[in-house]
Amino acid sequence: MLQGLRQVVWEVNLELPRQRLVTMTSGNASGRDLETGLVVIKPSGVRYEQMRPEDLVVVDLDGRVVEGRWRPSVDTATHLYIYRHRPDVGGIVHTHSPYATSFAALGEPIPVVLTAIADEFGGPVPCAPYAPVGGEAIGQAVVEHIGSSPAVLLKQHGVFTVGPDPWAALKAAVMVEDVAKTVHLAMLRGKPQPLPPEEVARAHEAYRTRYGQR
């Protein structure tokens, strides 16, 4: 079932440890099939290097397992809440990447002090309040606080990113860790100043409409 989406979600999951966004079995990625509404997600507690496409779990938007021999991720309810409330989202990535999560540990957003942050995120990367793992509370926090950004920090937890497909969500997860590291290093040396709002808006619009191939 959903072999193409399974392959994509498997490849995106494998990129999480390769990009040093997760360790051991933490973190997860999922993708939604736009025709059926079914979601493919990482199985709970399975090591990335041992996982194959057929190990991924297919669930419906109510959390019922449609296909798969493993239990789905403990974050499944979070992913499904986001999908149900964000019809534009086709992929979700969750990580505990260290530099971005260091901001989350303090309950702080990542300030928009770099053009890369303006380009990709359109403003500061927001930080949502703490919510317990295992239910829909984190999904609610993501939906309520992510705004138009593709990334949000969860206080004392980690990072969630979204996109129109799993690869876009992965790109946002890689980018948020990259800019978090740079901002962290800059803060060790001084006090970086935010870009003016009008420049943030200009840079984000230019990146959104003119960057890459069309």
Protein backbone atom coordinates (compact mmCIF):
# COMPACT_ATOMS: atom_id res chain seq x y z
CA MET A 1 0.00 0.00 0.00
CA LEU A 2 1.24 3.50 -0.92
CA GLN A 3 4.60 2.15 -2.09
CA GLY A 4 5.76 5.46 -3.54
CA LEU A 5 4.97 7.40 -0.38
CA ARG A 6 6.50 4.64 1.77
CA GLN A 7 9.74 4.97 -0.19
CA VAL A 8 9.81 8.75 0.20
CA VAL A 9 9.03 8.68 3.94
CA TRP A 10 11.65 5.93 4.45
CA GLU A 11 14.30 8.00 2.65
CA VAL A 12 13.41 11.12 4.64
CA ASN A 13 13.59 9.19 7.92
CA LEU A 14 17.05 7.88 6.99
CA GLU A 15 18.23 11.44 6.44
CA LEU A 16 17.48 12.39 10.05
CA PRO A 17 20.50 10.58 11.58
CA ARG A 18 22.64 11.34 8.51
CA GLN A 19 22.00 15.05 9.04
CA ARG A 20 22.67 14.62 12.79
CA LEU A 21 19.17 15.74 13.69
CA VAL A 22 18.38 12.68 15.84
CA THR A 23 20.19 9.99 17.83
CA MET A 24 19.39 6.29 18.21
CA THR A 25 15.62 5.86 17.70
CA SER A 26 14.45 9.38 18.56
CA GLY A 27 12.58 11.58 16.11
CA ASN A 28 10.37 10.65 13.18
CA ALA A 29 9.04 11.69 9.80
CA SER A 30 5.68 11.11 8.16
CA GLY A 31 3.90 11.83 4.91
CA ARG A 32 0.26 12.12 3.91
CA ASP A 33 -1.25 10.72 0.72
CA LEU A 34 -3.41 13.54 -0.62
CA GLU A 35 -5.84 11.22 -2.44
CA THR A 36 -6.70 8.83 0.39
CA GLY A 37 -5.74 10.97 3.40
CA LEU A 38 -3.76 8.02 4.76
CA VAL A 39 -0.50 8.74 6.59
CA VAL A 40 2.78 6.81 6.45
CA ILE A 41 4.89 7.16 9.60
CA LYS A 42 7.98 5.69 11.26
CA PRO A 43 7.39 2.72 13.58
CA SER A 44 8.04 3.28 17.28
CA GLY A 45 11.50 2.47 18.62
CA VAL A 46 12.90 0.90 15.44
CA ARG A 47 16.52 1.79 14.68
CA TYR A 48 16.92 3.80 11.51
CA GLU A 49 19.68 1.64 10.05
CA GLN A 50 17.51 -1.48 10.43
CA MET A 51 14.35 0.03 8.99
CA ARG A 52 13.05 -0.85 5.54
CA PRO A 53 10.18 0.77 3.58
CA GLU A 54 7.88 -2.12 4.47
CA ASP A 55 8.45 -1.43 8.18
CA LEU A 56 6.68 1.92 7.97
CA VAL A 57 3.13 2.02 9.30
CA VAL A 58 0.07 3.26 7.41
CA VAL A 59 -2.61 4.87 9.58
CA ASP A 60 -5.80 6.77 8.88
CA LEU A 61 -6.44 10.26 10.24
CA ASP A 62 -8.16 8.77 13.31
CA GLY A 63 -5.05 6.76 14.21
CA ARG A 64 -6.28 3.32 13.14
CA VAL A 65 -3.53 1.13 11.69
CA VAL A 66 -4.42 0.29 8.09
CA GLU A 67 -1.25 -1.60 7.27
CA GLY A 68 1.95 -2.49 9.10
CA ARG A 69 3.31 -5.06 11.54
CA TRP A 70 4.79 -2.56 13.99
CA ARG A 71 3.26 -0.03 16.35
CA PRO A 72 3.41 3.49 14.89
CA SER A 73 5.46 6.28 16.48
CA VAL A 74 4.39 7.52 19.91
CA ASP A 75 4.08 10.92 18.20
CA THR A 76 1.44 9.66 15.76
CA ALA A 77 -1.41 11.55 17.48
CA THR A 78 0.63 14.75 17.13
CA HIS A 79 1.21 14.22 13.41
CA LEU A 80 -2.44 13.36 12.80
CA TYR A 81 -3.69 16.43 14.66
CA ILE A 82 -1.49 18.64 12.47
CA TYR A 83 -2.67 16.91 9.28
CA ARG A 84 -6.33 17.25 10.26
CA HIS A 85 -5.98 20.97 10.99
CA ARG A 86 -3.50 21.89 8.24
CA PRO A 87 -4.78 20.58 4.88
CA ASP A 88 -1.79 22.25 3.18
CA VAL A 89 0.68 19.99 5.02
CA GLY A 90 1.82 16.80 3.31
CA GLY A 91 4.91 16.02 5.38
CA ILE A 92 6.03 16.39 9.00
CA VAL A 93 9.43 15.93 10.64
CA HIS A 94 10.14 15.82 14.37
CA THR A 95 13.68 16.07 15.75
CA HIS A 96 15.62 16.87 18.89
CA SER A 97 18.47 18.49 16.97
CA PRO A 98 20.84 19.94 19.58
CA TYR A 99 21.27 23.61 18.64
CA ALA A 100 17.61 24.22 17.85
CA THR A 101 16.55 22.26 20.93
CA SER A 102 18.87 24.38 23.08
CA PHE A 103 16.58 27.32 22.27
CA ALA A 104 13.56 25.11 23.02
CA ALA A 105 15.09 24.15 26.37
CA LEU A 106 15.01 27.84 27.32
CA GLY A 107 11.60 28.41 25.80
CA GLU A 108 13.07 30.96 23.38
CA PRO A 109 12.40 31.55 19.68
CA ILE A 110 15.31 31.70 17.26
CA PRO A 111 15.57 35.41 16.39
CA VAL A 112 15.62 36.50 12.76
CA VAL A 113 19.19 37.79 12.73
CA LEU A 114 20.25 36.09 9.47
CA THR A 115 19.06 36.39 5.90
CA ALA A 116 18.81 32.57 5.86
CA ILE A 117 16.22 32.76 8.64
CA ALA A 118 14.28 35.46 6.79
CA ASP A 119 14.44 33.47 3.55
CA GLU A 120 13.29 30.08 4.83
CA PHE A 121 11.14 30.97 7.83
CA GLY A 122 9.86 34.49 7.12
CA GLY A 123 10.59 35.65 10.66
CA PRO A 124 11.77 34.28 14.01
CA VAL A 125 11.35 30.54 14.46
CA PRO A 126 8.61 30.51 17.12
CA CYS A 127 8.66 28.52 20.35
CA ALA A 128 5.41 26.93 21.55
CA PRO A 129 4.75 26.27 25.24
CA TYR A 130 5.45 22.90 26.83
CA ALA A 131 2.99 20.10 26.10
CA PRO A 132 3.09 16.43 27.19
CA VAL A 133 4.13 13.71 24.76
CA GLY A 134 1.75 10.98 23.61
CA GLY A 135 -1.51 12.74 22.79
CA GLU A 136 -2.82 15.63 20.74
CA ALA A 137 -1.52 18.42 23.03
CA ILE A 138 1.72 18.84 21.09
CA GLY A 139 -0.18 18.89 17.81
CA GLN A 140 -2.41 21.64 19.19
CA ALA A 141 0.64 23.62 20.29
CA VAL A 142 2.22 23.26 16.85
CA VAL A 143 -0.91 24.38 15.00
CA GLU A 144 -1.52 27.31 17.35
CA HIS A 145 2.04 28.68 17.37
CA ILE A 146 3.75 27.77 14.07
CA GLY A 147 2.01 30.55 12.13
CA SER A 148 3.24 30.78 8.54
CA SER A 149 6.66 29.35 9.43
CA PRO A 150 7.58 25.80 8.35
CA ALA A 151 9.18 25.20 11.78
CA VAL A 152 8.30 25.58 15.43
CA LEU A 153 10.17 24.77 18.63
CA LEU A 154 8.40 22.99 21.49
CA LYS A 155 9.50 24.24 24.90
CA GLN A 156 11.69 21.69 26.70
CA HIS A 157 11.13 19.16 23.93
CA GLY A 158 12.38 19.67 20.38
CA VAL A 159 11.48 20.72 16.86
CA PHE A 160 8.57 20.12 14.49
CA THR A 161 8.70 21.10 10.84
CA VAL A 162 6.05 20.90 8.15
CA GLY A 163 5.89 21.15 4.40
CA PRO A 164 3.80 20.33 1.34
CA ASP A 165 5.68 17.02 1.19
CA PRO A 166 8.13 15.09 3.42
CA TRP A 167 11.21 16.43 1.60
CA ALA A 168 10.15 20.03 2.24
CA ALA A 169 9.65 19.25 5.93
CA LEU A 170 13.12 17.68 6.01
CA LYS A 171 14.67 20.75 4.39
CA ALA A 172 13.09 22.96 7.07
CA ALA A 173 14.42 20.65 9.81
CA VAL A 174 17.96 20.80 8.39
CA MET A 175 17.76 24.57 7.95
CA VAL A 176 16.45 25.27 11.44
CA GLU A 177 19.33 23.34 12.99
CA ASP A 178 21.85 25.08 10.74
CA VAL A 179 20.66 28.60 11.60
CA ALA A 180 20.27 27.72 15.29
CA LYS A 181 23.95 26.73 15.39
CA THR A 182 25.04 29.98 13.74
CA VAL A 183 22.87 32.10 16.04
CA HIS A 184 24.16 30.21 19.08
CA LEU A 185 27.77 30.91 18.04
CA ALA A 186 26.98 34.56 17.36
CA MET A 187 25.41 34.91 20.81
CA LEU A 188 28.64 33.62 22.37
CA ARG A 189 30.51 36.50 20.73
CA GLY A 190 28.01 39.31 21.12
CA LYS A 191 24.41 40.36 20.74
CA PRO A 192 23.20 39.86 17.15
CA GLN A 193 20.60 42.37 16.01
CA PRO A 194 17.35 41.33 14.29
CA LEU A 195 16.85 42.28 10.66
CA PRO A 196 14.28 45.06 10.08
CA PRO A 197 10.78 43.65 9.49
CA GLU A 198 10.56 45.17 6.02
CA GLU A 199 13.82 43.48 5.00
CA VAL A 200 12.61 40.16 6.42
CA ALA A 201 9.42 40.45 4.37
CA ARG A 202 11.33 41.42 1.21
CA ALA A 203 13.87 38.59 1.56
CA HIS A 204 11.20 35.97 2.30
CA GLU A 205 9.06 37.00 -0.66
CA ALA A 206 12.07 36.98 -3.00
CA TYR A 207 13.13 33.54 -1.75
CA ARG A 208 9.59 32.19 -2.05
CA THR A 209 8.97 33.46 -5.58
CA ARG A 210 12.37 33.63 -7.29
CA TYR A 211 14.70 31.07 -5.69
CA GLY A 212 15.36 27.77 -7.49
CA GLN A 213 13.84 26.41 -10.71
CA ARG A 214 10.25 26.89 -11.79
